[in-house]
């Protein structure tokens, strides 16, 4: 469950990124994350544990330093025992921002889930530290996580498997590389299991900057598909066999691009500046 926000405080931003974010020419997503974390005073810890590529952590360290962050450190966790190490936990407590890289979200939850590290990420976010994740690092941010699933536009029973995430919030379920890997079907299937949550499908090079007021702002070159099951009227999930298509009625779908927003509390979408016509 999400950690309690301290009296008089406010939660830090939660920033899921759809993967393959621009890193060189116009890294607007990473730049905004650095700015939120304090700009030239930013202190960012990168956790590359989802990836098994040795250069993943150092690459993001170089990127964030080039964008002006004062201090950046990559801390990898290869075993669950690493998650109890006092020095690493202390370093996480010092950070103004935490960044989870891409890779395999099940590797993240297997190594970090239920440890002091995952609890600390959750409590630090509740205390005001900003937490971003890209691809697998985005999927793990919520309480309900898509572990894996099938591609395709239609929801089908058995097309998605859910697992517990880090639980910074229970308001949404993330799916990444959304348009590029045709994942509308599996996100819709996940919502048929749990209509309470809001589905957020993130295209590559696109992020949802979710502020402490639960307002989601889109940044990046692609789209964010919001699937709201709050008004669900009917689901055939309990009637069909695995592999069969689902009948799901009453969903509301929004496709947001940069400048548009969606409030996770009121469930109201806004085109923002996009709605202002030039005369």
C-alpha atoms as a PDB file:
ATOM      1  CA  UNK A   1       0.000   0.000   0.000  1.00  0.00           C
ATOM      2  CA  UNK A   2       1.179   3.601  -0.555  1.00  0.00           C
ATOM      3  CA  UNK A   3       3.071   5.118   2.358  1.00  0.00           C
ATOM      4  CA  UNK A   4       1.382   7.744   4.495  1.00  0.00           C
ATOM      5  CA  UNK A   5       2.247  11.327   3.599  1.00  0.00           C
ATOM      6  CA  UNK A   6       3.692  13.102   6.667  1.00  0.00           C
ATOM      7  CA  UNK A   7       1.488  15.756   8.265  1.00  0.00           C
ATOM      8  CA  UNK A   8       2.005  19.059   6.485  1.00  0.00           C
ATOM      9  CA  UNK A   9       4.010  17.438   3.681  1.00  0.00           C
ATOM     10  CA  UNK A  10       3.277  16.471   0.115  1.00  0.00           C
ATOM     11  CA  UNK A  11       4.162  13.482  -1.980  1.00  0.00           C
ATOM     12  CA  UNK A  12       6.914  13.723  -4.561  1.00  0.00           C
ATOM     13  CA  UNK A  13       6.198  13.409  -8.256  1.00  0.00           C
ATOM     14  CA  UNK A  14       5.749   9.943  -9.770  1.00  0.00           C
ATOM     15  CA  UNK A  15       7.046   9.800 -13.335  1.00  0.00           C
ATOM     16  CA  UNK A  16       6.498   6.642 -15.393  1.00  0.00           C
ATOM     17  CA  UNK A  17       8.190   6.755 -18.822  1.00  0.00           C
ATOM     18  CA  UNK A  18       7.209   4.515 -21.732  1.00  0.00           C
ATOM     19  CA  UNK A  19      10.794   3.541 -22.551  1.00  0.00           C
ATOM     20  CA  UNK A  20      13.249   4.586 -25.271  1.00  0.00           C
ATOM     21  CA  UNK A  21      13.174   8.187 -24.067  1.00  0.00           C
ATOM     22  CA  UNK A  22      15.299  10.643 -26.043  1.00  0.00           C
ATOM     23  CA  UNK A  23      18.714  10.848 -24.377  1.00  0.00           C
ATOM     24  CA  UNK A  24      20.892  12.962 -26.640  1.00  0.00           C
ATOM     25  CA  UNK A  25      19.354  15.590 -28.953  1.00  0.00           C
ATOM     26  CA  UNK A  26      16.380  16.905 -26.944  1.00  0.00           C
ATOM     27  CA  UNK A  27      16.061  14.911 -23.712  1.00  0.00           C
ATOM     28  CA  UNK A  28      13.046  16.873 -22.468  1.00  0.00           C
ATOM     29  CA  UNK A  29      11.778  14.104 -20.154  1.00  0.00           C
ATOM     30  CA  UNK A  30      15.114  13.568 -18.411  1.00  0.00           C
ATOM     31  CA  UNK A  31      15.722  17.332 -18.302  1.00  0.00           C
ATOM     32  CA  UNK A  32      12.418  17.975 -16.569  1.00  0.00           C
ATOM     33  CA  UNK A  33      13.131  15.219 -14.054  1.00  0.00           C
ATOM     34  CA  UNK A  34      16.465  16.882 -13.195  1.00  0.00           C
ATOM     35  CA  UNK A  35      14.727  20.257 -12.830  1.00  0.00           C
ATOM     36  CA  UNK A  36      12.109  18.776 -10.471  1.00  0.00           C
ATOM     37  CA  UNK A  37      14.866  17.229  -8.374  1.00  0.00           C
ATOM     38  CA  UNK A  38      16.546  20.598  -7.875  1.00  0.00           C
ATOM     39  CA  UNK A  39      18.317  21.475 -11.119  1.00  0.00           C
ATOM     40  CA  UNK A  40      21.969  22.196 -10.349  1.00  0.00           C
ATOM     41  CA  UNK A  41      21.284  21.070  -6.767  1.00  0.00           C
ATOM     42  CA  UNK A  42      19.717  17.761  -7.830  1.00  0.00           C
ATOM     43  CA  UNK A  43      20.970  14.633  -6.097  1.00  0.00           C
ATOM     44  CA  UNK A  44      19.857  11.579  -8.086  1.00  0.00           C
ATOM     45  CA  UNK A  45      20.283   7.888  -7.364  1.00  0.00           C
ATOM     46  CA  UNK A  46      19.970   5.570 -10.380  1.00  0.00           C
ATOM     47  CA  UNK A  47      18.860   1.974  -9.740  1.00  0.00           C
ATOM     48  CA  UNK A  48      19.734  -0.150 -12.827  1.00  0.00           C
ATOM     49  CA  UNK A  49      18.815  -3.514 -11.273  1.00  0.00           C
ATOM     50  CA  UNK A  50      16.112  -4.277 -13.865  1.00  0.00           C
ATOM     51  CA  UNK A  51      18.824  -4.443 -16.515  1.00  0.00           C
ATOM     52  CA  UNK A  52      21.628  -6.956 -16.808  1.00  0.00           C
ATOM     53  CA  UNK A  53      23.641  -4.695 -19.101  1.00  0.00           C
ATOM     54  CA  UNK A  54      26.694  -3.398 -17.260  1.00  0.00           C
ATOM     55  CA  UNK A  55      26.636   0.051 -18.869  1.00  0.00           C
ATOM     56  CA  UNK A  56      23.006   0.905 -18.024  1.00  0.00           C
ATOM     57  CA  UNK A  57      23.700   2.594 -14.688  1.00  0.00           C
ATOM     58  CA  UNK A  58      26.845   4.477 -15.767  1.00  0.00           C
ATOM     59  CA  UNK A  59      25.090   5.707 -18.913  1.00  0.00           C
ATOM     60  CA  UNK A  60      22.304   7.379 -16.918  1.00  0.00           C
ATOM     61  CA  UNK A  61      24.881   8.813 -14.516  1.00  0.00           C
ATOM     62  CA  UNK A  62      26.592  10.485 -17.469  1.00  0.00           C
ATOM     63  CA  UNK A  63      23.257  11.720 -18.864  1.00  0.00           C
ATOM     64  CA  UNK A  64      22.047  13.282 -15.623  1.00  0.00           C
ATOM     65  CA  UNK A  65      25.417  14.911 -14.955  1.00  0.00           C
ATOM     66  CA  UNK A  66      25.406  16.376 -18.466  1.00  0.00           C
ATOM     67  CA  UNK A  67      21.952  17.799 -17.727  1.00  0.00           C
ATOM     68  CA  UNK A  68      23.369  19.666 -14.728  1.00  0.00           C
ATOM     69  CA  UNK A  69      22.591  17.502 -11.699  1.00  0.00           C
ATOM     70  CA  UNK A  70      24.990  18.194  -8.827  1.00  0.00           C
ATOM     71  CA  UNK A  71      25.332  14.590  -7.690  1.00  0.00           C
ATOM     72  CA  UNK A  72      24.421  11.340  -9.446  1.00  0.00           C
ATOM     73  CA  UNK A  73      25.220   7.803  -8.330  1.00  0.00           C
ATOM     74  CA  UNK A  74      24.257   4.397  -9.676  1.00  0.00           C
ATOM     75  CA  UNK A  75      23.475   1.800  -7.021  1.00  0.00           C
ATOM     76  CA  UNK A  76      22.880  -1.718  -8.259  1.00  0.00           C
ATOM     77  CA  UNK A  77      21.334  -4.532  -6.227  1.00  0.00           C
ATOM     78  CA  UNK A  78      22.407  -7.995  -7.348  1.00  0.00           C
ATOM     79  CA  UNK A  79      20.974  -9.910  -4.383  1.00  0.00           C
ATOM     80  CA  UNK A  80      18.285  -9.354  -1.786  1.00  0.00           C
ATOM     81  CA  UNK A  81      21.044  -9.203   0.818  1.00  0.00           C
ATOM     82  CA  UNK A  82      22.338  -6.050  -0.896  1.00  0.00           C
ATOM     83  CA  UNK A  83      18.984  -4.424  -0.075  1.00  0.00           C
ATOM     84  CA  UNK A  84      19.761  -4.492   3.640  1.00  0.00           C
ATOM     85  CA  UNK A  85      23.151  -2.809   3.356  1.00  0.00           C
ATOM     86  CA  UNK A  86      23.203   0.286   5.577  1.00  0.00           C
ATOM     87  CA  UNK A  87      25.398   2.373   3.280  1.00  0.00           C
ATOM     88  CA  UNK A  88      23.154   1.914   0.259  1.00  0.00           C
ATOM     89  CA  UNK A  89      20.027   2.696   2.278  1.00  0.00           C
ATOM     90  CA  UNK A  90      21.635   5.853   3.669  1.00  0.00           C
ATOM     91  CA  UNK A  91      22.511   6.996   0.163  1.00  0.00           C
ATOM     92  CA  UNK A  92      18.901   6.556  -0.952  1.00  0.00           C
ATOM     93  CA  UNK A  93      17.746   8.679   1.994  1.00  0.00           C
ATOM     94  CA  UNK A  94      19.977  11.548   0.809  1.00  0.00           C
ATOM     95  CA  UNK A  95      18.598  11.672  -2.732  1.00  0.00           C
ATOM     96  CA  UNK A  96      16.174  14.270  -4.057  1.00  0.00           C
ATOM     97  CA  UNK A  97      15.314  11.952  -6.959  1.00  0.00           C
ATOM     98  CA  UNK A  98      15.342   8.204  -7.628  1.00  0.00           C
ATOM     99  CA  UNK A  99      15.443   6.802 -11.174  1.00  0.00           C
ATOM    100  CA  UNK A 100      14.659   3.164 -12.057  1.00  0.00           C
ATOM    101  CA  UNK A 101      15.988   2.019 -15.431  1.00  0.00           C
ATOM    102  CA  UNK A 102      14.442  -0.358 -17.923  1.00  0.00           C
ATOM    103  CA  UNK A 103      15.023  -4.080 -18.232  1.00  0.00           C
ATOM    104  CA  UNK A 104      12.790  -6.745 -16.679  1.00  0.00           C
ATOM    105  CA  UNK A 105      10.222  -5.672 -14.077  1.00  0.00           C
ATOM    106  CA  UNK A 106      10.103  -9.166 -12.576  1.00  0.00           C
ATOM    107  CA  UNK A 107      13.837  -8.937 -11.934  1.00  0.00           C
ATOM    108  CA  UNK A 108      13.166  -5.709 -10.029  1.00  0.00           C
ATOM    109  CA  UNK A 109      10.384  -7.157  -7.893  1.00  0.00           C
ATOM    110  CA  UNK A 110      12.269 -10.419  -7.307  1.00  0.00           C
ATOM    111  CA  UNK A 111      15.359  -8.594  -6.078  1.00  0.00           C
ATOM    112  CA  UNK A 112      13.827  -5.560  -4.363  1.00  0.00           C
ATOM    113  CA  UNK A 113      10.197  -6.406  -3.598  1.00  0.00           C
ATOM    114  CA  UNK A 114       9.418  -6.541   0.121  1.00  0.00           C
ATOM    115  CA  UNK A 115      12.908  -5.357   1.098  1.00  0.00           C
ATOM    116  CA  UNK A 116      13.973  -2.213   2.910  1.00  0.00           C
ATOM    117  CA  UNK A 117      14.852  -0.707  -0.477  1.00  0.00           C
ATOM    118  CA  UNK A 118      11.336  -0.951  -1.911  1.00  0.00           C
ATOM    119  CA  UNK A 119       9.846   0.268   1.373  1.00  0.00           C
ATOM    120  CA  UNK A 120      12.296   3.171   1.435  1.00  0.00           C
ATOM    121  CA  UNK A 121      11.516   4.184  -2.169  1.00  0.00           C
ATOM    122  CA  UNK A 122       7.829   4.209  -1.241  1.00  0.00           C
ATOM    123  CA  UNK A 123       8.280   6.186   1.982  1.00  0.00           C
ATOM    124  CA  UNK A 124      10.732   8.646   0.427  1.00  0.00           C
ATOM    125  CA  UNK A 125       8.256   9.404  -2.338  1.00  0.00           C
ATOM    126  CA  UNK A 126       5.539  10.006   0.265  1.00  0.00           C
ATOM    127  CA  UNK A 127       7.945  12.397   2.005  1.00  0.00           C
ATOM    128  CA  UNK A 128       8.564  14.442  -1.159  1.00  0.00           C
ATOM    129  CA  UNK A 129      11.296  12.659  -3.132  1.00  0.00           C
ATOM    130  CA  UNK A 130      10.581  12.380  -6.860  1.00  0.00           C
ATOM    131  CA  UNK A 131      10.645   8.874  -8.354  1.00  0.00           C
ATOM    132  CA  UNK A 132      10.873   8.151 -12.080  1.00  0.00           C
ATOM    133  CA  UNK A 133      11.106   4.880 -13.951  1.00  0.00           C
ATOM    134  CA  UNK A 134      11.429   3.985 -17.602  1.00  0.00           C
ATOM    135  CA  UNK A 135       9.990   0.859 -19.246  1.00  0.00           C
ATOM    136  CA  UNK A 136      10.316  -1.881 -16.583  1.00  0.00           C
ATOM    137  CA  UNK A 137      11.097   0.857 -14.059  1.00  0.00           C
ATOM    138  CA  UNK A 138       7.744   2.460 -14.914  1.00  0.00           C
ATOM    139  CA  UNK A 139       5.748  -0.760 -14.652  1.00  0.00           C
ATOM    140  CA  UNK A 140       6.913  -1.411 -11.103  1.00  0.00           C
ATOM    141  CA  UNK A 141       5.869   1.956  -9.623  1.00  0.00           C
ATOM    142  CA  UNK A 142       2.228   1.085  -8.938  1.00  0.00           C
ATOM    143  CA  UNK A 143       0.680  -1.417  -6.548  1.00  0.00           C
ATOM    144  CA  UNK A 144      -0.673  -3.553  -9.405  1.00  0.00           C
ATOM    145  CA  UNK A 145       2.009  -4.361 -11.978  1.00  0.00           C
ATOM    146  CA  UNK A 146       1.742  -5.974 -15.390  1.00  0.00           C
ATOM    147  CA  UNK A 147       4.383  -8.693 -15.190  1.00  0.00           C
ATOM    148  CA  UNK A 148       4.022  -9.882 -18.784  1.00  0.00           C
ATOM    149  CA  UNK A 149       1.372 -10.519 -21.404  1.00  0.00           C
ATOM    150  CA  UNK A 150       0.442 -10.885 -25.049  1.00  0.00           C
ATOM    151  CA  UNK A 151       0.336  -8.219 -27.711  1.00  0.00           C
ATOM    152  CA  UNK A 152      -2.833  -7.261 -29.560  1.00  0.00           C
ATOM    153  CA  UNK A 153      -5.630  -4.727 -29.540  1.00  0.00           C
ATOM    154  CA  UNK A 154      -8.394  -6.966 -28.161  1.00  0.00           C
ATOM    155  CA  UNK A 155      -8.721  -8.039 -24.517  1.00  0.00           C
ATOM    156  CA  UNK A 156      -8.525 -11.802 -24.016  1.00  0.00           C
ATOM    157  CA  UNK A 157      -8.758 -13.921 -20.898  1.00  0.00           C
ATOM    158  CA  UNK A 158      -5.310 -15.002 -19.830  1.00  0.00           C
ATOM    159  CA  UNK A 159      -3.521 -12.442 -22.013  1.00  0.00           C
ATOM    160  CA  UNK A 160      -1.904 -10.688 -19.054  1.00  0.00           C
ATOM    161  CA  UNK A 161      -0.308 -11.677 -15.766  1.00  0.00           C
ATOM    162  CA  UNK A 162      -0.315  -9.282 -12.825  1.00  0.00           C
ATOM    163  CA  UNK A 163       2.107  -9.143  -9.898  1.00  0.00           C
ATOM    164  CA  UNK A 164       2.632  -6.794  -6.945  1.00  0.00           C
ATOM    165  CA  UNK A 165       4.665  -3.692  -7.758  1.00  0.00           C
ATOM    166  CA  UNK A 166       6.406  -1.296  -5.380  1.00  0.00           C
ATOM    167  CA  UNK A 167       3.113   0.369  -4.452  1.00  0.00           C
ATOM    168  CA  UNK A 168       3.954   4.074  -4.595  1.00  0.00           C
ATOM    169  CA  UNK A 169       0.300   4.448  -5.593  1.00  0.00           C
ATOM    170  CA  UNK A 170      -2.716   2.211  -6.110  1.00  0.00           C
ATOM    171  CA  UNK A 171      -4.481   4.589  -8.505  1.00  0.00           C
ATOM    172  CA  UNK A 172      -3.185   3.247 -11.819  1.00  0.00           C
ATOM    173  CA  UNK A 173      -1.715   0.340 -13.777  1.00  0.00           C
ATOM    174  CA  UNK A 174       1.108   1.127 -16.200  1.00  0.00           C
ATOM    175  CA  UNK A 175       1.849  -0.410 -19.577  1.00  0.00           C
ATOM    176  CA  UNK A 176       4.858   0.790 -21.540  1.00  0.00           C
ATOM    177  CA  UNK A 177       6.047   0.736 -25.195  1.00  0.00           C
ATOM    178  CA  UNK A 178       2.295   0.987 -25.686  1.00  0.00           C
ATOM    179  CA  UNK A 179       1.651   1.874 -29.325  1.00  0.00           C
ATOM    180  CA  UNK A 180       4.921   0.367 -30.542  1.00  0.00           C
ATOM    181  CA  UNK A 181       4.043  -3.080 -29.117  1.00  0.00           C
ATOM    182  CA  UNK A 182       0.253  -2.981 -29.539  1.00  0.00           C
ATOM    183  CA  UNK A 183      -0.655  -3.407 -25.860  1.00  0.00           C
ATOM    184  CA  UNK A 184      -4.190  -2.034 -25.596  1.00  0.00           C
ATOM    185  CA  UNK A 185      -5.622  -5.532 -25.237  1.00  0.00           C
ATOM    186  CA  UNK A 186      -3.517  -6.556 -22.267  1.00  0.00           C
ATOM    187  CA  UNK A 187      -4.030  -3.253 -20.439  1.00  0.00           C
ATOM    188  CA  UNK A 188      -7.797  -3.558 -20.901  1.00  0.00           C
ATOM    189  CA  UNK A 189      -7.657  -7.148 -19.659  1.00  0.00           C
ATOM    190  CA  UNK A 190      -5.750  -6.019 -16.565  1.00  0.00           C
ATOM    191  CA  UNK A 191      -8.496  -3.474 -15.837  1.00  0.00           C
ATOM    192  CA  UNK A 192     -11.154  -6.176 -16.196  1.00  0.00           C
ATOM    193  CA  UNK A 193      -9.501  -7.802 -13.179  1.00  0.00           C
ATOM    194  CA  UNK A 194      -9.409  -4.546 -11.214  1.00  0.00           C
ATOM    195  CA  UNK A 195     -11.759  -1.764 -12.401  1.00  0.00           C
ATOM    196  CA  UNK A 196     -10.728   0.447  -9.473  1.00  0.00           C
ATOM    197  CA  UNK A 197      -7.430   1.362 -11.104  1.00  0.00           C
ATOM    198  CA  UNK A 198      -6.890   3.585 -14.142  1.00  0.00           C
ATOM    199  CA  UNK A 199      -4.934   2.164 -17.062  1.00  0.00           C
ATOM    200  CA  UNK A 200      -2.081   4.304 -18.365  1.00  0.00           C
ATOM    201  CA  UNK A 201      -0.508   3.201 -21.649  1.00  0.00           C
ATOM    202  CA  UNK A 202       2.720   5.040 -22.370  1.00  0.00           C
ATOM    203  CA  UNK A 203       4.212   5.322 -25.841  1.00  0.00           C
ATOM    204  CA  UNK A 204       7.983   5.368 -26.172  1.00  0.00           C
ATOM    205  CA  UNK A 205       9.698   8.712 -25.501  1.00  0.00           C
ATOM    206  CA  UNK A 206       6.615   9.766 -23.547  1.00  0.00           C
ATOM    207  CA  UNK A 207       6.142  10.288 -19.822  1.00  0.00           C
ATOM    208  CA  UNK A 208       3.311  10.922 -17.406  1.00  0.00           C
ATOM    209  CA  UNK A 209       4.431  13.489 -14.830  1.00  0.00           C
ATOM    210  CA  UNK A 210       2.055  12.853 -11.932  1.00  0.00           C
ATOM    211  CA  UNK A 211       2.135  15.577  -9.313  1.00  0.00           C
ATOM    212  CA  UNK A 212       1.127  15.511  -5.651  1.00  0.00           C
ATOM    213  CA  UNK A 213      -2.309  16.813  -6.692  1.00  0.00           C
ATOM    214  CA  UNK A 214      -2.794  13.614  -8.769  1.00  0.00           C
ATOM    215  CA  UNK A 215      -2.775  15.628 -11.988  1.00  0.00           C
ATOM    216  CA  UNK A 216      -1.076  13.745 -14.821  1.00  0.00           C
ATOM    217  CA  UNK A 217       0.776  15.891 -17.361  1.00  0.00           C
ATOM    218  CA  UNK A 218       2.070  14.470 -20.637  1.00  0.00           C
ATOM    219  CA  UNK A 219       5.654  15.190 -21.721  1.00  0.00           C
ATOM    220  CA  UNK A 220       7.342  13.736 -24.791  1.00  0.00           C
ATOM    221  CA  UNK A 221       6.864  12.978 -28.457  1.00  0.00           C
ATOM    222  CA  UNK A 222       4.187  10.259 -28.268  1.00  0.00           C
ATOM    223  CA  UNK A 223       0.834   9.683 -26.641  1.00  0.00           C
ATOM    224  CA  UNK A 224      -0.553   8.493 -23.334  1.00  0.00           C
ATOM    225  CA  UNK A 225      -3.649   6.311 -23.584  1.00  0.00           C
ATOM    226  CA  UNK A 226      -5.811   6.543 -20.462  1.00  0.00           C
ATOM    227  CA  UNK A 227      -8.323   3.724 -20.006  1.00  0.00           C
ATOM    228  CA  UNK A 228     -10.815   4.513 -17.234  1.00  0.00           C
ATOM    229  CA  UNK A 229     -12.873   1.558 -16.017  1.00  0.00           C
ATOM    230  CA  UNK A 230     -14.657   3.500 -13.260  1.00  0.00           C
ATOM    231  CA  UNK A 231     -17.958   3.293 -15.190  1.00  0.00           C
ATOM    232  CA  UNK A 232     -17.588  -0.376 -16.055  1.00  0.00           C
ATOM    233  CA  UNK A 233     -21.046  -1.790 -16.809  1.00  0.00           C
ATOM    234  CA  UNK A 234     -20.196  -5.378 -17.701  1.00  0.00           C
ATOM    235  CA  UNK A 235     -17.233  -7.740 -17.979  1.00  0.00           C
ATOM    236  CA  UNK A 236     -17.339 -11.340 -19.156  1.00  0.00           C
ATOM    237  CA  UNK A 237     -14.062 -12.164 -17.372  1.00  0.00           C
ATOM    238  CA  UNK A 238     -15.759 -14.731 -15.111  1.00  0.00           C
ATOM    239  CA  UNK A 239     -17.508 -16.464 -18.033  1.00  0.00           C
ATOM    240  CA  UNK A 240     -14.809 -17.131 -20.637  1.00  0.00           C
ATOM    241  CA  UNK A 241     -12.007 -19.640 -20.972  1.00  0.00           C
ATOM    242  CA  UNK A 242      -8.366 -18.673 -21.356  1.00  0.00           C
ATOM    243  CA  UNK A 243      -7.594 -17.277 -24.772  1.00  0.00           C
ATOM    244  CA  UNK A 244     -11.165 -16.238 -25.523  1.00  0.00           C
ATOM    245  CA  UNK A 245     -12.045 -12.589 -26.209  1.00  0.00           C
ATOM    246  CA  UNK A 246     -13.599 -10.525 -23.434  1.00  0.00           C
ATOM    247  CA  UNK A 247     -16.738  -8.433 -23.592  1.00  0.00           C
ATOM    248  CA  UNK A 248     -16.072  -5.235 -21.628  1.00  0.00           C
ATOM    249  CA  UNK A 249     -18.671  -2.446 -21.586  1.00  0.00           C
ATOM    250  CA  UNK A 250     -18.537   1.061 -20.199  1.00  0.00           C
ATOM    251  CA  UNK A 251     -14.850   1.887 -20.570  1.00  0.00           C
ATOM    252  CA  UNK A 252     -13.817   5.478 -21.213  1.00  0.00           C
ATOM    253  CA  UNK A 253     -10.667   6.058 -23.273  1.00  0.00           C
ATOM    254  CA  UNK A 254      -8.626   9.242 -23.648  1.00  0.00           C
ATOM    255  CA  UNK A 255      -5.562   9.693 -25.844  1.00  0.00           C
ATOM    256  CA  UNK A 256      -3.382  12.502 -24.509  1.00  0.00           C
ATOM    257  CA  UNK A 257      -0.379  14.171 -26.087  1.00  0.00           C
ATOM    258  CA  UNK A 258       2.087  16.756 -24.791  1.00  0.00           C
ATOM    259  CA  UNK A 259       0.207  19.598 -23.141  1.00  0.00           C
ATOM    260  CA  UNK A 260      -2.843  17.514 -22.226  1.00  0.00           C
ATOM    261  CA  UNK A 261      -3.623  16.278 -18.724  1.00  0.00           C
ATOM    262  CA  UNK A 262      -5.778  13.896 -16.706  1.00  0.00           C
ATOM    263  CA  UNK A 263      -6.653  14.094 -13.030  1.00  0.00           C
ATOM    264  CA  UNK A 264      -6.468  10.682 -11.367  1.00  0.00           C
ATOM    265  CA  UNK A 265      -8.831  11.783  -8.585  1.00  0.00           C
ATOM    266  CA  UNK A 266     -11.594  13.543 -10.518  1.00  0.00           C
ATOM    267  CA  UNK A 267     -10.992  11.391 -13.655  1.00  0.00           C
ATOM    268  CA  UNK A 268     -11.359  14.498 -15.827  1.00  0.00           C
ATOM    269  CA  UNK A 269      -9.202  14.924 -18.937  1.00  0.00           C
ATOM    270  CA  UNK A 270      -8.144  18.279 -20.350  1.00  0.00           C
ATOM    271  CA  UNK A 271      -6.608  19.208 -23.691  1.00  0.00           C
ATOM    272  CA  UNK A 272      -4.901  22.135 -21.978  1.00  0.00           C
ATOM    273  CA  UNK A 273      -3.110  24.502 -24.324  1.00  0.00           C
ATOM    274  CA  UNK A 274      -4.026  22.239 -27.250  1.00  0.00           C
ATOM    275  CA  UNK A 275      -7.631  23.468 -26.978  1.00  0.00           C
ATOM    276  CA  UNK A 276      -6.656  27.097 -27.523  1.00  0.00           C
ATOM    277  CA  UNK A 277      -7.178  27.963 -31.185  1.00  0.00           C
ATOM    278  CA  UNK A 278      -5.291  30.669 -32.951  1.00  0.00           C
ATOM    279  CA  UNK A 279      -7.384  33.350 -34.603  1.00  0.00           C
END
